[in-house]
Amino acid sequence: MQPIVEEENEYAIRATDAICINESEQNHAWYGNIKYLITGILFGIVFIKAEVISWFRIQEMFRLESFHMYGVIGSAVAVGMLSVWLIKAFNVKTVNGEQITFAKKQFNKGQIYGGLLFGLGWALTGACPGPLFAQIGFGATVVIVPLLSAIAGTWVYGYFRETLPH
C-alpha cells in the first residue's frame, strides 16, 4: 500500500513542474517574437550598464565585499513580488488576453542541491544564466563555455529526469 502513496506524492510533485504551465494555446506568427528579441537586447544593455555582467562585481558579491549585486538581486525580488501581487489582485491577462495562473509548489530537498550546484557554477564562472548572452554580446566570448555547459547540464537532467529522485 505504501508505494501507491509514494507514487501519488511523486505525481503531485511532478505535476507542479513548470513544463507547459502558462503555455499559450494560441498560434502566433513567427515575427511576433521580434518584440522578445528587442526586449532581450534592451535587457542586455541594462545588464551591461548596471555592471551586472561584470565578473569582478560577481566575485565581489561572493566575497561579501560589495552590496552592488545584492542590491540588484534584492530589487529584482521586490519587483517580482510586487508584479505577482498586482497580477493576482487585478486579474491581469497576457498580451494576447490569456489567463495567467500560478501553481502552488511543494518544497523539495532537490531544490537545495540544485541551488548549491547553481551557486557553485555561478561563483566559479562568474556567469549566471541570465547575463550569459549579454556577456557574449559584450565580447566575453569565453563565456560560451559556461553557456554550452549549461545547455549540456540541462540536456543531461532532461534525459535522466524520470529516473532521478525528486
N, C-alpha and C. Protein backbone atom coordinates (compact mmCIF):
# COMPACT_ATOMS: atom_id res chain seq x y z
N MET A 1 0.82 -1.19 0.00
CA MET A 1 0.00 0.00 0.00
C MET A 1 0.86 1.26 0.00
N GLN A 2 2.00 1.23 0.66
CA GLN A 2 2.89 2.39 0.77
C GLN A 2 3.38 2.90 -0.59
N PRO A 3 3.77 2.01 -1.55
CA PRO A 3 4.26 2.51 -2.83
C PRO A 3 3.25 3.36 -3.58
N ILE A 4 1.96 3.10 -3.40
CA ILE A 4 0.94 3.90 -4.09
C ILE A 4 0.97 5.33 -3.57
N VAL A 5 1.10 5.50 -2.26
CA VAL A 5 1.18 6.84 -1.67
C VAL A 5 2.40 7.57 -2.21
N GLU A 6 3.55 6.86 -2.25
CA GLU A 6 4.76 7.48 -2.77
C GLU A 6 4.59 7.85 -4.24
N GLU A 7 3.91 6.97 -5.00
CA GLU A 7 3.67 7.23 -6.41
C GLU A 7 2.79 8.47 -6.58
N GLU A 8 1.74 8.58 -5.76
CA GLU A 8 0.86 9.76 -5.82
C GLU A 8 1.61 11.02 -5.41
N ASN A 9 2.46 10.89 -4.41
CA ASN A 9 3.29 12.02 -3.98
C ASN A 9 4.21 12.46 -5.11
N GLU A 10 4.84 11.49 -5.75
CA GLU A 10 5.74 11.78 -6.88
C GLU A 10 4.96 12.51 -7.97
N TYR A 11 3.75 12.02 -8.27
CA TYR A 11 2.94 12.66 -9.29
C TYR A 11 2.59 14.09 -8.90
N ALA A 12 2.24 14.29 -7.64
CA ALA A 12 1.88 15.63 -7.16
C ALA A 12 3.04 16.60 -7.30
N ILE A 13 4.25 16.12 -7.03
CA ILE A 13 5.43 16.97 -7.16
C ILE A 13 5.69 17.29 -8.62
N ARG A 14 5.64 16.26 -9.46
CA ARG A 14 5.93 16.47 -10.89
C ARG A 14 4.84 17.29 -11.57
N ALA A 15 3.62 17.22 -11.06
CA ALA A 15 2.53 17.99 -11.67
C ALA A 15 2.74 19.48 -11.51
N THR A 16 3.57 19.89 -10.55
CA THR A 16 3.81 21.31 -10.35
C THR A 16 5.02 21.81 -11.14
N ASP A 17 5.64 20.94 -11.92
CA ASP A 17 6.76 21.37 -12.75
C ASP A 17 6.30 22.49 -13.68
N ALA A 18 7.23 23.31 -14.07
CA ALA A 18 6.91 24.46 -14.91
C ALA A 18 6.68 24.08 -16.37
N ILE A 19 6.87 22.82 -16.71
CA ILE A 19 6.72 22.41 -18.09
C ILE A 19 5.26 22.61 -18.52
N CYS A 20 5.07 23.37 -19.56
CA CYS A 20 3.76 23.60 -20.18
C CYS A 20 2.80 24.41 -19.33
N ILE A 21 3.19 24.91 -18.19
CA ILE A 21 2.31 25.76 -17.41
C ILE A 21 2.35 27.16 -18.04
N ASN A 22 1.20 27.74 -18.24
CA ASN A 22 1.05 29.05 -18.87
C ASN A 22 1.50 29.06 -20.32
N GLU A 23 1.55 27.90 -20.95
CA GLU A 23 1.90 27.87 -22.36
C GLU A 23 0.71 28.37 -23.16
N SER A 24 0.99 29.21 -24.13
CA SER A 24 -0.09 29.80 -24.91
C SER A 24 -0.80 28.74 -25.74
N GLU A 25 -2.10 28.84 -25.78
CA GLU A 25 -2.91 27.93 -26.59
C GLU A 25 -3.11 28.50 -28.00
N GLN A 26 -2.69 29.73 -28.20
CA GLN A 26 -2.89 30.38 -29.49
C GLN A 26 -1.67 30.17 -30.38
N ASN A 27 -1.92 30.18 -31.69
CA ASN A 27 -0.81 30.12 -32.65
C ASN A 27 -0.47 31.55 -33.06
N HIS A 28 0.82 31.85 -33.01
CA HIS A 28 1.26 33.20 -33.32
C HIS A 28 2.21 33.17 -34.50
N ALA A 29 2.23 34.23 -35.28
CA ALA A 29 3.17 34.33 -36.40
C ALA A 29 4.59 34.46 -35.86
N TRP A 30 5.56 33.98 -36.62
CA TRP A 30 6.96 33.99 -36.18
C TRP A 30 7.46 35.39 -35.89
N TYR A 31 7.01 36.38 -36.65
CA TYR A 31 7.51 37.75 -36.47
C TYR A 31 7.00 38.37 -35.17
N GLY A 32 6.06 37.72 -34.51
CA GLY A 32 5.62 38.19 -33.21
C GLY A 32 6.70 38.06 -32.15
N ASN A 33 7.71 37.23 -32.42
CA ASN A 33 8.81 37.04 -31.49
C ASN A 33 9.84 38.17 -31.55
N ILE A 34 9.74 39.04 -32.52
CA ILE A 34 10.69 40.16 -32.64
C ILE A 34 10.62 41.04 -31.40
N LYS A 35 9.42 41.21 -30.83
CA LYS A 35 9.29 42.03 -29.62
C LYS A 35 10.14 41.45 -28.48
N TYR A 36 10.24 40.11 -28.43
CA TYR A 36 11.06 39.47 -27.39
C TYR A 36 12.55 39.66 -27.66
N LEU A 37 12.92 39.65 -28.93
CA LEU A 37 14.31 39.91 -29.29
C LEU A 37 14.71 41.33 -28.89
N ILE A 38 13.85 42.29 -29.18
CA ILE A 38 14.12 43.69 -28.83
C ILE A 38 14.18 43.85 -27.31
N THR A 39 13.24 43.22 -26.61
CA THR A 39 13.25 43.27 -25.14
C THR A 39 14.54 42.66 -24.59
N GLY A 40 14.96 41.55 -25.16
CA GLY A 40 16.20 40.90 -24.73
C GLY A 40 17.42 41.77 -24.96
N ILE A 41 17.47 42.44 -26.09
CA ILE A 41 18.59 43.35 -26.38
C ILE A 41 18.61 44.50 -25.39
N LEU A 42 17.44 45.09 -25.12
CA LEU A 42 17.36 46.17 -24.14
C LEU A 42 17.74 45.69 -22.74
N PHE A 43 17.31 44.49 -22.39
CA PHE A 43 17.65 43.89 -21.10
C PHE A 43 19.16 43.69 -21.00
N GLY A 44 19.78 43.23 -22.08
CA GLY A 44 21.23 43.07 -22.11
C GLY A 44 21.96 44.38 -21.93
N ILE A 45 21.47 45.43 -22.56
CA ILE A 45 22.08 46.76 -22.42
C ILE A 45 21.99 47.23 -20.97
N VAL A 46 20.83 47.01 -20.34
CA VAL A 46 20.68 47.37 -18.92
C VAL A 46 21.65 46.59 -18.07
N PHE A 47 21.81 45.28 -18.34
CA PHE A 47 22.77 44.45 -17.60
C PHE A 47 24.19 45.00 -17.73
N ILE A 48 24.55 45.41 -18.94
CA ILE A 48 25.90 45.93 -19.17
C ILE A 48 26.09 47.25 -18.42
N LYS A 49 25.14 48.16 -18.57
CA LYS A 49 25.25 49.47 -17.91
C LYS A 49 25.23 49.37 -16.39
N ALA A 50 24.49 48.39 -15.85
CA ALA A 50 24.40 48.21 -14.39
C ALA A 50 25.56 47.37 -13.85
N GLU A 51 26.45 46.94 -14.72
CA GLU A 51 27.60 46.11 -14.37
C GLU A 51 27.21 44.76 -13.78
N VAL A 52 26.01 44.30 -14.12
CA VAL A 52 25.54 43.01 -13.61
C VAL A 52 26.32 41.87 -14.26
N ILE A 53 26.85 42.07 -15.45
CA ILE A 53 27.58 41.01 -16.13
C ILE A 53 29.06 41.02 -15.80
N SER A 54 29.49 41.95 -15.00
CA SER A 54 30.91 42.07 -14.66
C SER A 54 31.36 40.92 -13.76
N TRP A 55 32.36 40.20 -14.21
CA TRP A 55 32.93 39.11 -13.43
C TRP A 55 33.42 39.64 -12.09
N PHE A 56 34.00 40.84 -12.09
CA PHE A 56 34.53 41.43 -10.86
C PHE A 56 33.41 41.74 -9.87
N ARG A 57 32.27 42.24 -10.37
CA ARG A 57 31.13 42.52 -9.49
C ARG A 57 30.59 41.23 -8.88
N ILE A 58 30.54 40.18 -9.69
CA ILE A 58 30.04 38.89 -9.20
C ILE A 58 30.99 38.34 -8.14
N GLN A 59 32.29 38.47 -8.37
CA GLN A 59 33.26 38.00 -7.37
C GLN A 59 33.18 38.82 -6.09
N GLU A 60 32.95 40.13 -6.22
CA GLU A 60 32.76 40.97 -5.03
C GLU A 60 31.58 40.48 -4.21
N MET A 61 30.51 40.09 -4.90
CA MET A 61 29.32 39.60 -4.20
C MET A 61 29.65 38.33 -3.42
N PHE A 62 30.29 37.37 -4.08
CA PHE A 62 30.57 36.10 -3.42
C PHE A 62 31.63 36.23 -2.32
N ARG A 63 32.43 37.27 -2.38
CA ARG A 63 33.41 37.51 -1.31
C ARG A 63 32.87 38.44 -0.23
N LEU A 64 31.60 38.84 -0.37
CA LEU A 64 30.93 39.74 0.57
C LEU A 64 31.68 41.07 0.70
N GLU A 65 32.20 41.57 -0.40
CA GLU A 65 32.97 42.82 -0.40
C GLU A 65 32.16 44.02 -0.89
N SER A 66 30.98 43.78 -1.49
CA SER A 66 30.21 44.87 -2.05
C SER A 66 28.72 44.55 -2.00
N PHE A 67 27.92 45.59 -1.85
CA PHE A 67 26.47 45.44 -1.79
C PHE A 67 25.83 45.51 -3.17
N HIS A 68 26.57 45.92 -4.19
CA HIS A 68 26.04 46.21 -5.53
C HIS A 68 25.12 45.09 -6.04
N MET A 69 25.63 43.87 -6.12
CA MET A 69 24.85 42.77 -6.68
C MET A 69 23.68 42.38 -5.77
N TYR A 70 23.89 42.47 -4.46
CA TYR A 70 22.79 42.17 -3.54
C TYR A 70 21.66 43.17 -3.73
N GLY A 71 22.01 44.42 -3.98
CA GLY A 71 21.00 45.44 -4.25
C GLY A 71 20.24 45.15 -5.53
N VAL A 72 20.96 44.74 -6.57
CA VAL A 72 20.32 44.41 -7.85
C VAL A 72 19.39 43.21 -7.67
N ILE A 73 19.88 42.16 -7.04
CA ILE A 73 19.08 40.95 -6.85
C ILE A 73 17.89 41.24 -5.93
N GLY A 74 18.12 41.97 -4.85
CA GLY A 74 17.04 42.33 -3.94
C GLY A 74 15.97 43.17 -4.63
N SER A 75 16.39 44.10 -5.47
CA SER A 75 15.43 44.91 -6.23
C SER A 75 14.62 44.04 -7.17
N ALA A 76 15.27 43.08 -7.81
CA ALA A 76 14.56 42.17 -8.72
C ALA A 76 13.53 41.33 -7.97
N VAL A 77 13.89 40.86 -6.78
CA VAL A 77 12.94 40.07 -5.97
C VAL A 77 11.76 40.95 -5.58
N ALA A 78 12.02 42.18 -5.15
CA ALA A 78 10.94 43.08 -4.75
C ALA A 78 10.01 43.39 -5.94
N VAL A 79 10.58 43.66 -7.10
CA VAL A 79 9.77 43.94 -8.29
C VAL A 79 8.96 42.70 -8.68
N GLY A 80 9.57 41.52 -8.58
CA GLY A 80 8.87 40.28 -8.89
C GLY A 80 7.70 40.04 -7.95
N MET A 81 7.92 40.26 -6.65
CA MET A 81 6.84 40.08 -5.67
C MET A 81 5.69 41.06 -5.93
N LEU A 82 6.04 42.31 -6.18
CA LEU A 82 5.02 43.32 -6.47
C LEU A 82 4.26 42.96 -7.74
N SER A 83 4.99 42.50 -8.76
CA SER A 83 4.35 42.15 -10.04
C SER A 83 3.36 41.00 -9.86
N VAL A 84 3.76 39.96 -9.13
CA VAL A 84 2.87 38.82 -8.90
C VAL A 84 1.64 39.27 -8.12
N TRP A 85 1.84 40.10 -7.11
CA TRP A 85 0.71 40.61 -6.33
C TRP A 85 -0.25 41.39 -7.22
N LEU A 86 0.28 42.27 -8.08
CA LEU A 86 -0.56 43.06 -8.97
C LEU A 86 -1.31 42.17 -9.97
N ILE A 87 -0.61 41.16 -10.51
CA ILE A 87 -1.25 40.25 -11.46
C ILE A 87 -2.42 39.53 -10.80
N LYS A 88 -2.21 39.06 -9.56
CA LYS A 88 -3.27 38.36 -8.84
C LYS A 88 -4.39 39.32 -8.42
N ALA A 89 -4.03 40.50 -7.92
CA ALA A 89 -5.02 41.45 -7.41
C ALA A 89 -5.93 41.99 -8.51
N PHE A 90 -5.37 42.24 -9.69
CA PHE A 90 -6.15 42.86 -10.77
C PHE A 90 -6.48 41.89 -11.89
N ASN A 91 -6.21 40.59 -11.66
CA ASN A 91 -6.50 39.55 -12.65
C ASN A 91 -5.96 39.94 -14.03
N VAL A 92 -4.71 40.34 -14.06
CA VAL A 92 -4.07 40.76 -15.30
C VAL A 92 -3.95 39.58 -16.25
N LYS A 93 -4.16 39.83 -17.52
CA LYS A 93 -4.06 38.79 -18.55
C LYS A 93 -2.81 39.04 -19.40
N THR A 94 -2.45 38.06 -20.22
CA THR A 94 -1.29 38.21 -21.10
C THR A 94 -1.60 39.22 -22.19
N VAL A 95 -0.60 39.56 -22.97
CA VAL A 95 -0.78 40.49 -24.08
C VAL A 95 -1.84 39.96 -25.04
N ASN A 96 -1.94 38.63 -25.14
CA ASN A 96 -2.89 38.00 -26.05
C ASN A 96 -4.23 37.72 -25.37
N GLY A 97 -4.44 38.21 -24.14
CA GLY A 97 -5.72 38.06 -23.46
C GLY A 97 -5.91 36.75 -22.72
N GLU A 98 -4.86 35.97 -22.54
CA GLU A 98 -4.98 34.68 -21.86
C GLU A 98 -4.79 34.84 -20.35
N GLN A 99 -5.42 33.96 -19.59
CA GLN A 99 -5.34 33.96 -18.13
C GLN A 99 -3.93 33.59 -17.67
N ILE A 100 -3.42 34.27 -16.65
CA ILE A 100 -2.14 33.92 -16.04
C ILE A 100 -2.43 33.14 -14.78
N THR A 101 -1.83 31.96 -14.64
CA THR A 101 -2.07 31.13 -13.46
C THR A 101 -0.76 30.91 -12.72
N PHE A 102 -0.88 30.71 -11.41
CA PHE A 102 0.27 30.42 -10.57
C PHE A 102 0.02 29.09 -9.88
N ALA A 103 0.88 28.12 -10.12
CA ALA A 103 0.72 26.81 -9.50
C ALA A 103 1.42 26.80 -8.14
N LYS A 104 0.75 26.23 -7.15
CA LYS A 104 1.38 26.08 -5.84
C LYS A 104 2.42 24.98 -5.95
N LYS A 105 3.59 25.22 -5.36
CA LYS A 105 4.67 24.24 -5.43
C LYS A 105 5.04 23.79 -4.03
N GLN A 106 5.36 22.49 -3.92
CA GLN A 106 5.81 21.96 -2.65
C GLN A 106 7.33 22.07 -2.58
N PHE A 107 7.83 22.27 -1.36
CA PHE A 107 9.28 22.28 -1.16
C PHE A 107 9.83 20.89 -1.43
N ASN A 108 11.02 20.86 -2.01
CA ASN A 108 11.65 19.62 -2.38
C ASN A 108 13.13 19.74 -2.04
N LYS A 109 13.71 18.76 -1.38
CA LYS A 109 15.12 18.85 -0.99
C LYS A 109 16.04 18.96 -2.20
N GLY A 110 15.59 18.52 -3.36
CA GLY A 110 16.38 18.66 -4.58
C GLY A 110 16.62 20.12 -4.94
N GLN A 111 15.74 21.01 -4.48
CA GLN A 111 15.92 22.43 -4.74
C GLN A 111 17.17 22.95 -4.03
N ILE A 112 17.47 22.39 -2.87
CA ILE A 112 18.67 22.78 -2.13
C ILE A 112 19.92 22.36 -2.92
N TYR A 113 19.92 21.10 -3.36
CA TYR A 113 21.07 20.60 -4.13
C TYR A 113 21.24 21.38 -5.44
N GLY A 114 20.13 21.61 -6.11
CA GLY A 114 20.18 22.37 -7.36
C GLY A 114 20.67 23.79 -7.14
N GLY A 115 20.21 24.42 -6.06
CA GLY A 115 20.65 25.77 -5.73
C GLY A 115 22.13 25.83 -5.41
N LEU A 116 22.61 24.82 -4.70
CA LEU A 116 24.05 24.77 -4.38
C LEU A 116 24.88 24.58 -5.65
N LEU A 117 24.44 23.70 -6.53
CA LEU A 117 25.15 23.50 -7.80
C LEU A 117 25.13 24.77 -8.65
N PHE A 118 23.97 25.41 -8.69
CA PHE A 118 23.83 26.66 -9.45
C PHE A 118 24.78 27.71 -8.90
N GLY A 119 24.76 27.90 -7.57
CA GLY A 119 25.62 28.90 -6.94
C GLY A 119 27.09 28.60 -7.13
N LEU A 120 27.46 27.33 -7.04
CA LEU A 120 28.86 26.94 -7.25
C LEU A 120 29.30 27.27 -8.67
N GLY A 121 28.46 26.92 -9.63
CA GLY A 121 28.79 27.24 -11.03
C GLY A 121 28.87 28.74 -11.27
N TRP A 122 27.98 29.47 -10.65
CA TRP A 122 27.95 30.93 -10.78
C TRP A 122 29.22 31.53 -10.18
N ALA A 123 29.61 31.03 -9.00
CA ALA A 123 30.81 31.55 -8.33
C ALA A 123 32.07 31.20 -9.10
N LEU A 124 32.15 30.00 -9.65
CA LEU A 124 33.35 29.58 -10.36
C LEU A 124 33.51 30.27 -11.71
N THR A 125 32.41 30.43 -12.42
CA THR A 125 32.50 31.00 -13.78
C THR A 125 32.25 32.50 -13.82
N GLY A 126 31.58 33.03 -12.81
CA GLY A 126 31.21 34.45 -12.85
C GLY A 126 30.11 34.69 -13.86
N ALA A 127 29.36 33.64 -14.19
CA ALA A 127 28.34 33.75 -15.21
C ALA A 127 27.04 33.11 -14.72
N CYS A 128 26.01 33.92 -14.64
CA CYS A 128 24.67 33.47 -14.30
C CYS A 128 23.92 33.26 -15.63
N PRO A 129 22.96 32.35 -15.70
CA PRO A 129 22.28 32.11 -16.97
C PRO A 129 21.66 33.36 -17.61
N GLY A 130 21.13 34.27 -16.82
CA GLY A 130 20.52 35.47 -17.39
C GLY A 130 21.50 36.32 -18.18
N PRO A 131 22.62 36.70 -17.57
CA PRO A 131 23.58 37.56 -18.26
C PRO A 131 24.51 36.85 -19.25
N LEU A 132 24.43 35.53 -19.37
CA LEU A 132 25.35 34.83 -20.28
C LEU A 132 25.35 35.43 -21.68
N PHE A 133 24.16 35.64 -22.23
CA PHE A 133 24.07 36.14 -23.59
C PHE A 133 24.55 37.59 -23.69
N ALA A 134 24.29 38.37 -22.64
CA ALA A 134 24.79 39.75 -22.63
C ALA A 134 26.32 39.76 -22.56
N GLN A 135 26.89 38.84 -21.80
CA GLN A 135 28.35 38.75 -21.71
C GLN A 135 28.94 38.38 -23.07
N ILE A 136 28.32 37.43 -23.75
CA ILE A 136 28.81 37.04 -25.07
C ILE A 136 28.65 38.19 -26.05
N GLY A 137 27.50 38.86 -26.00
CA GLY A 137 27.27 40.01 -26.87
C GLY A 137 28.22 41.16 -26.60
N PHE A 138 28.66 41.27 -25.36
CA PHE A 138 29.60 42.33 -24.98
C PHE A 138 31.03 42.00 -25.41
N GLY A 139 31.27 40.74 -25.81
CA GLY A 139 32.59 40.37 -26.31
C GLY A 139 33.33 39.37 -25.44
N ALA A 140 32.73 38.96 -24.33
CA ALA A 140 33.38 37.97 -23.46
C ALA A 140 33.07 36.58 -24.01
N THR A 141 33.71 36.26 -25.13
CA THR A 141 33.40 35.01 -25.82
C THR A 141 33.79 33.76 -25.03
N VAL A 142 34.64 33.90 -24.02
CA VAL A 142 34.99 32.76 -23.19
C VAL A 142 33.77 32.22 -22.45
N VAL A 143 32.74 33.04 -22.31
CA VAL A 143 31.51 32.65 -21.62
C VAL A 143 30.72 31.64 -22.45
N ILE A 144 31.13 31.41 -23.68
CA ILE A 144 30.48 30.37 -24.49
C ILE A 144 30.65 29.01 -23.82
N VAL A 145 31.76 28.80 -23.13
CA VAL A 145 31.99 27.52 -22.43
C VAL A 145 30.94 27.30 -21.33
N PRO A 146 30.70 28.27 -20.41
CA PRO A 146 29.62 28.07 -19.44
C PRO A 146 28.24 27.93 -20.09
N LEU A 147 28.02 28.64 -21.20
CA LEU A 147 26.73 28.53 -21.89
C LEU A 147 26.54 27.11 -22.41
N LEU A 148 27.54 26.57 -23.08
CA LEU A 148 27.45 25.20 -23.58
C LEU A 148 27.35 24.19 -22.43
N SER A 149 28.03 24.47 -21.32
CA SER A 149 27.93 23.61 -20.14
C SER A 149 26.53 23.64 -19.55
N ALA A 150 25.92 24.83 -19.51
CA ALA A 150 24.55 24.95 -19.00
C ALA A 150 23.58 24.19 -19.91
N ILE A 151 23.77 24.31 -21.20
CA ILE A 151 22.91 23.59 -22.14
C ILE A 151 23.09 22.08 -21.97
N ALA A 152 24.34 21.64 -21.85
CA ALA A 152 24.61 20.21 -21.67
C ALA A 152 24.02 19.71 -20.35
N GLY A 153 24.17 20.49 -19.27
CA GLY A 153 23.61 20.09 -17.99
C GLY A 153 22.10 19.99 -18.04
N THR A 154 21.46 20.92 -18.73
CA THR A 154 20.01 20.88 -18.88
C THR A 154 19.59 19.65 -19.67
N TRP A 155 20.32 19.33 -20.71
CA TRP A 155 20.02 18.15 -21.52
C TRP A 155 20.19 16.88 -20.69
N VAL A 156 21.27 16.80 -19.93
CA VAL A 156 21.52 15.61 -19.11
C VAL A 156 20.40 15.45 -18.09
N TYR A 157 20.00 16.53 -17.43
CA TYR A 157 18.90 16.46 -16.47
C TYR A 157 17.63 15.99 -17.16
N GLY A 158 17.32 16.57 -18.31
CA GLY A 158 16.12 16.17 -19.04
C GLY A 158 16.15 14.71 -19.44
N TYR A 159 17.31 14.22 -19.80
CA TYR A 159 17.46 12.82 -20.21
C TYR A 159 17.22 11.87 -19.04
N PHE A 160 17.76 12.21 -17.87
CA PHE A 160 17.67 11.33 -16.70
C PHE A 160 16.54 11.70 -15.74
N ARG A 161 15.77 12.71 -16.07
CA ARG A 161 14.75 13.27 -15.17
C ARG A 161 13.82 12.21 -14.60
N GLU A 162 13.33 11.33 -15.41
CA GLU A 162 12.36 10.33 -14.95
C GLU A 162 12.97 9.33 -13.98
N THR A 163 14.27 9.13 -14.02
CA THR A 163 14.92 8.15 -13.13
C THR A 163 15.46 8.78 -11.87
N LEU A 164 15.47 10.11 -11.79
CA LEU A 164 16.01 10.80 -10.63
C LEU A 164 14.99 10.90 -9.50
N PRO A 165 15.46 10.83 -8.25
CA PRO A 165 14.52 11.05 -7.14
C PRO A 165 14.20 12.54 -7.03
N HIS A 166 12.95 12.83 -6.86
CA HIS A 166 12.54 14.25 -6.73
C HIS A 166 11.93 14.46 -5.38
